C-alpha atoms as a PDB file:
ATOM      1  CA  MET A   1      -6.735   9.667  68.122  1.00  0.00           C
ATOM      2  CA  SER A   2     -10.392   8.960  67.506  1.00  0.00           C
ATOM      3  CA  HIS A   3     -11.955  11.028  70.251  1.00  0.00           C
ATOM      4  CA  THR A   4     -15.334  12.646  70.413  1.00  0.00           C
ATOM      5  CA  GLN A   5     -14.722  16.298  71.272  1.00  0.00           C
ATOM      6  CA  GLN A   6     -16.280  18.154  74.173  1.00  0.00           C
ATOM      7  CA  GLY A   7     -15.110  21.670  73.452  1.00  0.00           C
ATOM      8  CA  ASP A   8     -11.360  21.177  73.223  1.00  0.00           C
ATOM      9  CA  ARG A   9     -11.370  18.293  75.668  1.00  0.00           C
ATOM     10  CA  PRO A  10     -11.026  14.778  74.225  1.00  0.00           C
ATOM     11  CA  VAL A  11     -13.554  12.331  75.647  1.00  0.00           C
ATOM     12  CA  THR A  12     -12.872   8.618  75.739  1.00  0.00           C
ATOM     13  CA  LYS A  13     -15.681   6.646  74.100  1.00  0.00           C
ATOM     14  CA  THR A  14     -13.917   3.321  73.565  1.00  0.00           C
ATOM     15  CA  LEU A  15     -11.488   1.775  76.012  1.00  0.00           C
ATOM     16  CA  GLY A  16      -9.044  -0.821  74.777  1.00  0.00           C
ATOM     17  CA  LEU A  17      -7.669  -3.344  77.249  1.00  0.00           C
ATOM     18  CA  ILE A  18      -4.545  -5.415  76.726  1.00  0.00           C
ATOM     19  CA  GLY A  19      -4.830  -7.905  79.544  1.00  0.00           C
ATOM     20  CA  SER A  20      -8.213  -8.804  80.970  1.00  0.00           C
ATOM     21  CA  GLY A  21      -7.350 -10.457  84.278  1.00  0.00           C
ATOM     22  CA  SER A  22      -8.291  -9.153  87.699  1.00  0.00           C
ATOM     23  CA  ILE A  23      -7.433  -5.462  87.294  1.00  0.00           C
ATOM     24  CA  GLY A  24      -8.418  -5.384  83.624  1.00  0.00           C
ATOM     25  CA  SER A  25     -11.794  -6.973  84.321  1.00  0.00           C
ATOM     26  CA  SER A  26     -12.528  -4.479  87.098  1.00  0.00           C
ATOM     27  CA  VAL A  27     -11.604  -1.544  84.859  1.00  0.00           C
ATOM     28  CA  ALA A  28     -13.769  -2.985  82.079  1.00  0.00           C
ATOM     29  CA  ARG A  29     -16.762  -3.313  84.402  1.00  0.00           C
ATOM     30  CA  LEU A  30     -16.368   0.261  85.619  1.00  0.00           C
ATOM     31  CA  ALA A  31     -15.977   1.551  82.064  1.00  0.00           C
ATOM     32  CA  VAL A  32     -19.114  -0.208  80.825  1.00  0.00           C
ATOM     33  CA  ALA A  33     -21.044   1.087  83.845  1.00  0.00           C
ATOM     34  CA  ALA A  34     -19.900   4.581  82.855  1.00  0.00           C
ATOM     35  CA  GLY A  35     -21.319   4.127  79.353  1.00  0.00           C
ATOM     36  CA  LEU A  36     -18.103   3.421  77.467  1.00  0.00           C
ATOM     37  CA  ASN A  37     -17.474   0.745  74.900  1.00  0.00           C
ATOM     38  CA  VAL A  38     -14.712  -1.700  75.782  1.00  0.00           C
ATOM     39  CA  VAL A  39     -12.548  -3.895  73.579  1.00  0.00           C
ATOM     40  CA  LEU A  40     -10.957  -6.654  75.634  1.00  0.00           C
ATOM     41  CA  SER A  41      -7.938  -8.753  74.801  1.00  0.00           C
ATOM     42  CA  ASN A  42      -5.459 -11.135  76.376  1.00  0.00           C
ATOM     43  CA  SER A  43      -2.604 -13.382  75.350  1.00  0.00           C
ATOM     44  CA  ARG A  44      -4.804 -16.473  75.046  1.00  0.00           C
ATOM     45  CA  GLY A  45      -7.187 -15.323  72.331  1.00  0.00           C
ATOM     46  CA  PRO A  46     -10.593 -13.593  72.082  1.00  0.00           C
ATOM     47  CA  GLU A  47     -12.532 -16.830  72.513  1.00  0.00           C
ATOM     48  CA  THR A  48     -11.282 -17.139  76.106  1.00  0.00           C
ATOM     49  CA  LEU A  49     -13.066 -13.882  76.986  1.00  0.00           C
ATOM     50  CA  ALA A  50     -16.547 -15.013  75.944  1.00  0.00           C
ATOM     51  CA  ASP A  51     -17.912 -15.221  79.500  1.00  0.00           C
ATOM     52  CA  LEU A  52     -16.651 -11.771  80.468  1.00  0.00           C
ATOM     53  CA  VAL A  53     -17.978 -10.237  77.248  1.00  0.00           C
ATOM     54  CA  ALA A  54     -21.364 -11.860  77.879  1.00  0.00           C
ATOM     55  CA  GLU A  55     -21.411 -10.441  81.402  1.00  0.00           C
ATOM     56  CA  LEU A  56     -20.502  -6.949  80.219  1.00  0.00           C
ATOM     57  CA  GLY A  57     -23.144  -6.886  77.498  1.00  0.00           C
ATOM     58  CA  THR A  58     -23.464  -5.190  74.146  1.00  0.00           C
ATOM     59  CA  ASN A  59     -20.908  -2.467  74.888  1.00  0.00           C
ATOM     60  CA  ALA A  60     -18.122  -5.057  75.057  1.00  0.00           C
ATOM     61  CA  ARG A  61     -16.324  -7.219  72.532  1.00  0.00           C
ATOM     62  CA  ALA A  62     -13.178  -9.326  72.486  1.00  0.00           C
ATOM     63  CA  ALA A  63     -10.308  -8.907  70.061  1.00  0.00           C
ATOM     64  CA  THR A  64      -6.584  -9.399  69.675  1.00  0.00           C
ATOM     65  CA  PRO A  65      -4.212  -7.072  71.548  1.00  0.00           C
ATOM     66  CA  GLU A  66      -3.386  -5.287  68.282  1.00  0.00           C
ATOM     67  CA  ASP A  67      -7.083  -4.751  67.529  1.00  0.00           C
ATOM     68  CA  ALA A  68      -7.792  -3.542  71.082  1.00  0.00           C
ATOM     69  CA  ALA A  69      -4.897  -1.107  70.774  1.00  0.00           C
ATOM     70  CA  GLU A  70      -6.150   0.266  67.494  1.00  0.00           C
ATOM     71  CA  ALA A  71      -9.806   0.469  68.592  1.00  0.00           C
ATOM     72  CA  GLY A  72      -9.237   2.235  71.885  1.00  0.00           C
ATOM     73  CA  ASP A  73      -9.354   6.002  72.251  1.00  0.00           C
ATOM     74  CA  LEU A  74      -7.544   5.216  75.491  1.00  0.00           C
ATOM     75  CA  VAL A  75      -5.772   1.903  76.139  1.00  0.00           C
ATOM     76  CA  VAL A  76      -5.091   0.120  79.423  1.00  0.00           C
ATOM     77  CA  VAL A  77      -2.154  -2.287  79.519  1.00  0.00           C
ATOM     78  CA  THR A  78      -2.420  -4.668  82.443  1.00  0.00           C
ATOM     79  CA  VAL A  79      -0.187  -7.674  81.941  1.00  0.00           C
ATOM     80  CA  PRO A  80       2.672  -9.041  84.052  1.00  0.00           C
ATOM     81  CA  LEU A  81       5.574  -6.610  83.783  1.00  0.00           C
ATOM     82  CA  ALA A  82       7.793  -9.347  82.345  1.00  0.00           C
ATOM     83  CA  ALA A  83       5.531  -9.320  79.269  1.00  0.00           C
ATOM     84  CA  HIS A  84       5.748  -5.558  78.698  1.00  0.00           C
ATOM     85  CA  ASP A  85       8.106  -5.990  75.757  1.00  0.00           C
ATOM     86  CA  ARG A  86       5.419  -8.003  73.952  1.00  0.00           C
ATOM     87  CA  LEU A  87       2.956  -5.102  73.956  1.00  0.00           C
ATOM     88  CA  PRO A  88       2.113  -4.041  70.367  1.00  0.00           C
ATOM     89  CA  ALA A  89       4.157  -0.856  70.178  1.00  0.00           C
ATOM     90  CA  THR A  90       3.227  -0.063  66.587  1.00  0.00           C
ATOM     91  CA  ALA A  91      -0.511  -0.362  67.201  1.00  0.00           C
ATOM     92  CA  LEU A  92      -0.169   1.794  70.320  1.00  0.00           C
ATOM     93  CA  THR A  93       1.717   4.600  68.565  1.00  0.00           C
ATOM     94  CA  GLY A  94       0.009   7.926  69.165  1.00  0.00           C
ATOM     95  CA  LYS A  95      -2.151   6.574  71.978  1.00  0.00           C
ATOM     96  CA  THR A  96      -2.380   7.498  75.620  1.00  0.00           C
ATOM     97  CA  VAL A  97      -1.636   4.241  77.434  1.00  0.00           C
ATOM     98  CA  ILE A  98      -2.543   3.557  81.061  1.00  0.00           C
ATOM     99  CA  ASP A  99       0.088   1.356  82.672  1.00  0.00           C
ATOM    100  CA  THR A 100      -1.200  -0.613  85.683  1.00  0.00           C
ATOM    101  CA  MET A 101       1.789  -2.933  85.880  1.00  0.00           C
ATOM    102  CA  VAL A 102       3.690  -3.652  89.085  1.00  0.00           C
ATOM    103  CA  TYR A 103       7.187  -5.078  89.413  1.00  0.00           C
ATOM    104  CA  TYR A 104       7.254  -8.277  91.467  1.00  0.00           C
ATOM    105  CA  PRO A 105      10.694  -9.916  91.058  1.00  0.00           C
ATOM    106  CA  HIS A 106       9.441 -13.282  92.321  1.00  0.00           C
ATOM    107  CA  ARG A 107       7.032 -13.317  89.359  1.00  0.00           C
ATOM    108  CA  ASP A 108       8.753 -11.177  86.733  1.00  0.00           C
ATOM    109  CA  GLY A 109      12.357 -12.143  87.348  1.00  0.00           C
ATOM    110  CA  HIS A 110      14.917  -9.594  88.434  1.00  0.00           C
ATOM    111  CA  ILE A 111      15.345  -6.529  86.228  1.00  0.00           C
ATOM    112  CA  GLU A 112      18.655  -4.855  87.057  1.00  0.00           C
ATOM    113  CA  GLU A 113      17.591  -1.254  86.407  1.00  0.00           C
ATOM    114  CA  LEU A 114      14.501  -1.643  88.581  1.00  0.00           C
ATOM    115  CA  ASP A 115      16.372  -3.369  91.386  1.00  0.00           C
ATOM    116  CA  ALA A 116      18.947  -0.574  91.353  1.00  0.00           C
ATOM    117  CA  GLY A 117      16.280   2.124  91.338  1.00  0.00           C
ATOM    118  CA  THR A 118      17.768   3.777  88.257  1.00  0.00           C
ATOM    119  CA  LEU A 119      14.527   3.302  86.322  1.00  0.00           C
ATOM    120  CA  THR A 120      10.896   2.910  87.323  1.00  0.00           C
ATOM    121  CA  SER A 121       8.741   0.164  85.862  1.00  0.00           C
ATOM    122  CA  SER A 122       6.646   2.746  84.005  1.00  0.00           C
ATOM    123  CA  ALA A 123       9.736   4.342  82.515  1.00  0.00           C
ATOM    124  CA  LEU A 124      10.669   0.859  81.291  1.00  0.00           C
ATOM    125  CA  VAL A 125       7.240   0.546  79.676  1.00  0.00           C
ATOM    126  CA  GLN A 126       7.552   4.024  78.146  1.00  0.00           C
ATOM    127  CA  ARG A 127      10.909   3.040  76.661  1.00  0.00           C
ATOM    128  CA  HIS A 128       9.252   0.115  74.874  1.00  0.00           C
ATOM    129  CA  LEU A 129       6.223   2.192  73.857  1.00  0.00           C
ATOM    130  CA  ALA A 130       8.324   5.084  72.579  1.00  0.00           C
ATOM    131  CA  GLY A 131       5.539   6.399  70.340  1.00  0.00           C
ATOM    132  CA  SER A 132       2.900   6.366  73.079  1.00  0.00           C
ATOM    133  CA  ARG A 133       2.116   8.579  76.067  1.00  0.00           C
ATOM    134  CA  VAL A 134       2.309   6.337  79.134  1.00  0.00           C
ATOM    135  CA  VAL A 135       0.428   7.270  82.299  1.00  0.00           C
ATOM    136  CA  LYS A 136       0.669   5.264  85.511  1.00  0.00           C
ATOM    137  CA  THR A 137      -2.449   4.572  87.568  1.00  0.00           C
ATOM    138  CA  PHE A 138      -4.500   1.686  89.051  1.00  0.00           C
ATOM    139  CA  SER A 139      -1.272   0.041  90.232  1.00  0.00           C
ATOM    140  CA  ASN A 140      -1.627   0.643  93.975  1.00  0.00           C
ATOM    141  CA  VAL A 141      -5.164  -0.610  94.638  1.00  0.00           C
ATOM    142  CA  ASP A 142      -6.344  -4.211  94.663  1.00  0.00           C
ATOM    143  CA  PHE A 143      -8.788  -5.267  91.968  1.00  0.00           C
ATOM    144  CA  HIS A 144     -11.755  -5.819  94.282  1.00  0.00           C
ATOM    145  CA  ARG A 145     -11.508  -2.484  96.097  1.00  0.00           C
ATOM    146  CA  LEU A 146     -11.047  -0.820  92.701  1.00  0.00           C
ATOM    147  CA  LEU A 147     -14.389  -2.228  91.628  1.00  0.00           C
ATOM    148  CA  ILE A 148     -16.437  -1.646  94.771  1.00  0.00           C
ATOM    149  CA  SER A 149     -15.020   1.716  95.885  1.00  0.00           C
ATOM    150  CA  ALA A 150     -16.060   3.747  92.833  1.00  0.00           C
ATOM    151  CA  ARG A 151     -18.384   6.622  93.770  1.00  0.00           C
ATOM    152  CA  PRO A 152     -20.126   9.482  91.954  1.00  0.00           C
ATOM    153  CA  ALA A 153     -18.386  12.843  91.784  1.00  0.00           C
ATOM    154  CA  GLY A 154     -18.851  14.779  94.994  1.00  0.00           C
ATOM    155  CA  ALA A 155     -19.626  11.742  97.160  1.00  0.00           C
ATOM    156  CA  ALA A 156     -18.284  12.123 100.693  1.00  0.00           C
ATOM    157  CA  ASP A 157     -16.629   8.707 100.554  1.00  0.00           C
ATOM    158  CA  ARG A 158     -15.084   9.036  97.093  1.00  0.00           C
ATOM    159  CA  SER A 159     -11.519   7.760  96.816  1.00  0.00           C
ATOM    160  CA  ALA A 160      -8.667   9.138  94.750  1.00  0.00           C
ATOM    161  CA  LEU A 161      -6.002   7.377  92.728  1.00  0.00           C
ATOM    162  CA  ALA A 162      -2.484   8.563  92.019  1.00  0.00           C
ATOM    163  CA  VAL A 163      -1.563   9.467  88.435  1.00  0.00           C
ATOM    164  CA  ALA A 164       1.974   9.846  87.052  1.00  0.00           C
ATOM    165  CA  GLY A 165       3.116  10.691  83.547  1.00  0.00           C
ATOM    166  CA  ASP A 166       5.496  12.781  81.503  1.00  0.00           C
ATOM    167  CA  GLU A 167       2.891  14.626  79.402  1.00  0.00           C
ATOM    168  CA  ALA A 168       0.307  16.919  80.997  1.00  0.00           C
ATOM    169  CA  ALA A 169      -2.304  16.418  78.265  1.00  0.00           C
ATOM    170  CA  ALA A 170      -2.136  12.635  78.587  1.00  0.00           C
ATOM    171  CA  LYS A 171      -2.488  12.846  82.367  1.00  0.00           C
ATOM    172  CA  ALA A 172      -5.486  15.167  81.952  1.00  0.00           C
ATOM    173  CA  GLU A 173      -7.093  12.624  79.632  1.00  0.00           C
ATOM    174  CA  VAL A 174      -6.610   9.884  82.231  1.00  0.00           C
ATOM    175  CA  VAL A 175      -7.919  12.117  85.031  1.00  0.00           C
ATOM    176  CA  ARG A 176     -11.132  12.639  83.038  1.00  0.00           C
ATOM    177  CA  PHE A 177     -11.444   8.895  82.544  1.00  0.00           C
ATOM    178  CA  LEU A 178     -10.960   8.244  86.268  1.00  0.00           C
ATOM    179  CA  ASP A 179     -13.633  10.816  87.063  1.00  0.00           C
ATOM    180  CA  ALA A 180     -16.034   9.080  84.670  1.00  0.00           C
ATOM    181  CA  ILE A 181     -15.574   5.700  86.351  1.00  0.00           C
ATOM    182  CA  GLY A 182     -15.843   6.975  89.912  1.00  0.00           C
ATOM    183  CA  TYR A 183     -12.499   8.277  91.175  1.00  0.00           C
ATOM    184  CA  ASP A 184     -10.747  11.538  91.944  1.00  0.00           C
ATOM    185  CA  ALA A 185      -7.100  11.803  90.896  1.00  0.00           C
ATOM    186  CA  VAL A 186      -3.887  13.138  92.386  1.00  0.00           C
ATOM    187  CA  ASP A 187      -1.084  14.095  90.002  1.00  0.00           C
ATOM    188  CA  ILE A 188       2.109  12.831  91.651  1.00  0.00           C
ATOM    189  CA  GLY A 189       4.502  13.910  88.901  1.00  0.00           C
ATOM    190  CA  THR A 190       6.405  12.149  86.148  1.00  0.00           C
ATOM    191  CA  LEU A 191       7.026   8.483  85.422  1.00  0.00           C
ATOM    192  CA  ALA A 192      10.306   8.866  87.291  1.00  0.00           C
ATOM    193  CA  ASP A 193       8.244   9.749  90.367  1.00  0.00           C
ATOM    194  CA  SER A 194       5.963   6.730  90.091  1.00  0.00           C
ATOM    195  CA  TRP A 195       8.133   4.564  92.374  1.00  0.00           C
ATOM    196  CA  CYS A 196       6.378   6.200  95.326  1.00  0.00           C
ATOM    197  CA  ILE A 197       3.169   4.233  94.703  1.00  0.00           C
ATOM    198  CA  GLY A 198       4.864   0.877  94.187  1.00  0.00           C
ATOM    199  CA  PRO A 199       5.164  -2.147  96.487  1.00  0.00           C
ATOM    200  CA  ASN A 200       6.412  -1.466 100.003  1.00  0.00           C
ATOM    201  CA  THR A 201       5.257   2.172  99.915  1.00  0.00           C
ATOM    202  CA  PRO A 202       2.645   3.694 102.247  1.00  0.00           C
ATOM    203  CA  ILE A 203       0.019   4.140  99.500  1.00  0.00           C
ATOM    204  CA  HIS A 204       0.273   0.631  98.052  1.00  0.00           C
ATOM    205  CA  VAL A 205      -2.933  -1.434  98.479  1.00  0.00           C
ATOM    206  CA  GLN A 206      -3.286  -1.417 102.271  1.00  0.00           C
ATOM    207  CA  PRO A 207      -4.926   2.028 102.720  1.00  0.00           C
ATOM    208  CA  TYR A 208      -7.736   1.025 100.345  1.00  0.00           C
ATOM    209  CA  LEU A 209      -8.052  -2.525 101.632  1.00  0.00           C
ATOM    210  CA  GLY A 210      -7.671  -1.919 105.361  1.00  0.00           C
ATOM    211  CA  GLU A 211      -5.770  -3.951 107.908  1.00  0.00           C
ATOM    212  CA  ARG A 212      -6.300  -7.699 107.812  1.00  0.00           C
ATOM    213  CA  PRO A 213      -7.721  -8.868 111.140  1.00  0.00           C
ATOM    214  CA  PRO A 214      -5.591 -11.231 113.232  1.00  0.00           C
ATOM    215  CA  GLY A 215      -6.366 -14.899 113.481  1.00  0.00           C
ATOM    216  CA  LEU A 216      -7.024 -15.670 109.804  1.00  0.00           C
ATOM    217  CA  SER A 217      -4.935 -18.802 109.700  1.00  0.00           C
ATOM    218  CA  SER A 218      -6.038 -20.464 106.480  1.00  0.00           C
ATOM    219  CA  ALA A 219      -5.923 -19.316 102.884  1.00  0.00           C
ATOM    220  CA  GLU A 220      -9.687 -19.825 102.712  1.00  0.00           C
ATOM    221  CA  GLU A 221     -10.254 -17.487 105.662  1.00  0.00           C
ATOM    222  CA  ARG A 222      -7.959 -14.861 104.173  1.00  0.00           C
ATOM    223  CA  ALA A 223      -9.676 -15.083 100.802  1.00  0.00           C
ATOM    224  CA  ARG A 224     -13.105 -14.770 102.416  1.00  0.00           C
ATOM    225  CA  TRP A 225     -12.005 -11.658 104.280  1.00  0.00           C
ATOM    226  CA  PHE A 226     -10.439 -10.195 101.126  1.00  0.00           C
ATOM    227  CA  PHE A 227     -13.709 -10.370  99.219  1.00  0.00           C
ATOM    228  CA  GLN A 228     -15.912  -9.335 102.135  1.00  0.00           C
ATOM    229  CA  ALA A 229     -13.828  -6.379 103.352  1.00  0.00           C
ATOM    230  CA  PRO A 230     -15.571  -3.165 102.255  1.00  0.00           C
ATOM    231  CA  GLY A 231     -12.309  -1.259 102.155  1.00  0.00           C
ATOM    232  CA  ASN A 232     -11.621   2.316 103.180  1.00  0.00           C
ATOM    233  CA  PRO A 233     -12.183   5.590 101.347  1.00  0.00           C
ATOM    234  CA  VAL A 234      -8.831   7.145 100.477  1.00  0.00           C
ATOM    235  CA  PRO A 235      -9.464  10.803  99.617  1.00  0.00           C
ATOM    236  CA  ALA A 236      -7.085  12.991  97.660  1.00  0.00           C
ATOM    237  CA  ASP A 237      -5.531  14.650 100.713  1.00  0.00           C
ATOM    238  CA  LEU A 238      -4.647  11.263 102.167  1.00  0.00           C
ATOM    239  CA  VAL A 239      -3.141  10.148  98.869  1.00  0.00           C
ATOM    240  CA  ARG A 240      -0.928  13.241  98.885  1.00  0.00           C
ATOM    241  CA  GLU A 241       0.093  12.634 102.494  1.00  0.00           C
ATOM    242  CA  LEU A 242       0.962   8.992 101.930  1.00  0.00           C
ATOM    243  CA  VAL A 243       2.850   9.674  98.698  1.00  0.00           C
ATOM    244  CA  ALA A 244       4.849  12.407 100.418  1.00  0.00           C
ATOM    245  CA  SER A 245       5.808   9.995 103.189  1.00  0.00           C
ATOM    246  CA  ALA A 246       7.464   7.522 100.806  1.00  0.00           C
ATOM    247  CA  VAL A 247      11.173   8.094 101.325  1.00  0.00           C
ATOM    248  CA  THR A 248      13.037   5.253  99.617  1.00  0.00           C
ATOM    249  CA  VAL A 249      12.801   3.600  96.226  1.00  0.00           C
ATOM    250  CA  PRO A 250      11.624   0.007  96.803  1.00  0.00           C
ATOM    251  CA  ALA A 251      13.124  -2.745  94.696  1.00  0.00           C
ATOM    252  CA  GLY A 252       9.866  -4.633  94.327  1.00  0.00           C
ATOM    253  CA  GLY A 253       8.360  -6.938  96.861  1.00  0.00           C
ATOM    254  CA  PRO A 254       5.655  -9.500  97.542  1.00  0.00           C
ATOM    255  CA  ASP A 255       2.183  -8.982  96.155  1.00  0.00           C
ATOM    256  CA  PRO A 256       0.213  -8.380  99.384  1.00  0.00           C
ATOM    257  CA  ALA A 257      -3.219  -8.956  97.943  1.00  0.00           C
ATOM    258  CA  ALA A 258      -2.641 -10.920  94.735  1.00  0.00           C
ATOM    259  CA  ALA A 259      -4.023  -7.849  93.028  1.00  0.00           C
ATOM    260  CA  HIS A 260      -2.197  -7.883  89.679  1.00  0.00           C
END
C-alpha cells in the first residue's frame, strides 16, 4: 500500500471513497479538514460529483470506483449493502477497507444468512473482498452527527466510534484515521462481533443523535429537528457500556434517521 511512513506506522494520505452519499460526503469533508486528499466516486459517474468536489477544494477529485480504490491508501465503501457484490474486488486487493454499510431488508431485500444471524453484514462484505482487510466503523452514527461531532484529541466532549475487524494492523490503521478526523475509537472485536452496533442495538444512532422531542408531527418538522439537533457526546466508556448491553443479534430493521 502506498503509505507515507511515520516510524513503522502507516499514515493515510489519500482516502478513496466508493459511494459519496450522506455518510461518504461527511467522511470526505472530515478527511479534507484533516489535511488528507480524497478521491470520490459513485455509481453514476465522476461528473455527478462536480459540486461536492468544488466544495471540498483542491484536495479532492472525482473518479471511477476502480480508480478511487487504486488511489486510496485507505478506502471507504459506503453503498447500499445490496450493491456490495459490485464493489471492485480486484482494485481493492491488498487494501484496508472501511465498511460503513448497514443491512436494511426493506431497502436491500432479505439476505438469508443475515436474517438468520449466521453471518454479519461485514463478514458478507469480507467474503466478497477476500483480498482486502475489512474494518467496520461509521455504521452506527447518522451522517450529520458524524460531521458536526468531530473534536480535537483530548477535548472533553470528544466522541468515540466502534471499530470491528479481523486483523489487528488494519484496525490500528483505521483507529489512526479516526483520530485524525476527530474521533476516539473502541475496538469491539472481530467482524463476527459487529452485529452489536447494527440496527436495533443500544449503540445504533440514537445515543449520538439524542431523543427526538414529542410533538413533531410532520416530516418537515422532523427534518428540521434532525439538522438542528446538536447531538450528544458519546465517549469511549459509554460505547463500551452500550455495546456490552447488546444481547441479541438483530435481523435488520428500519433506518431511524435515514443515515445511510
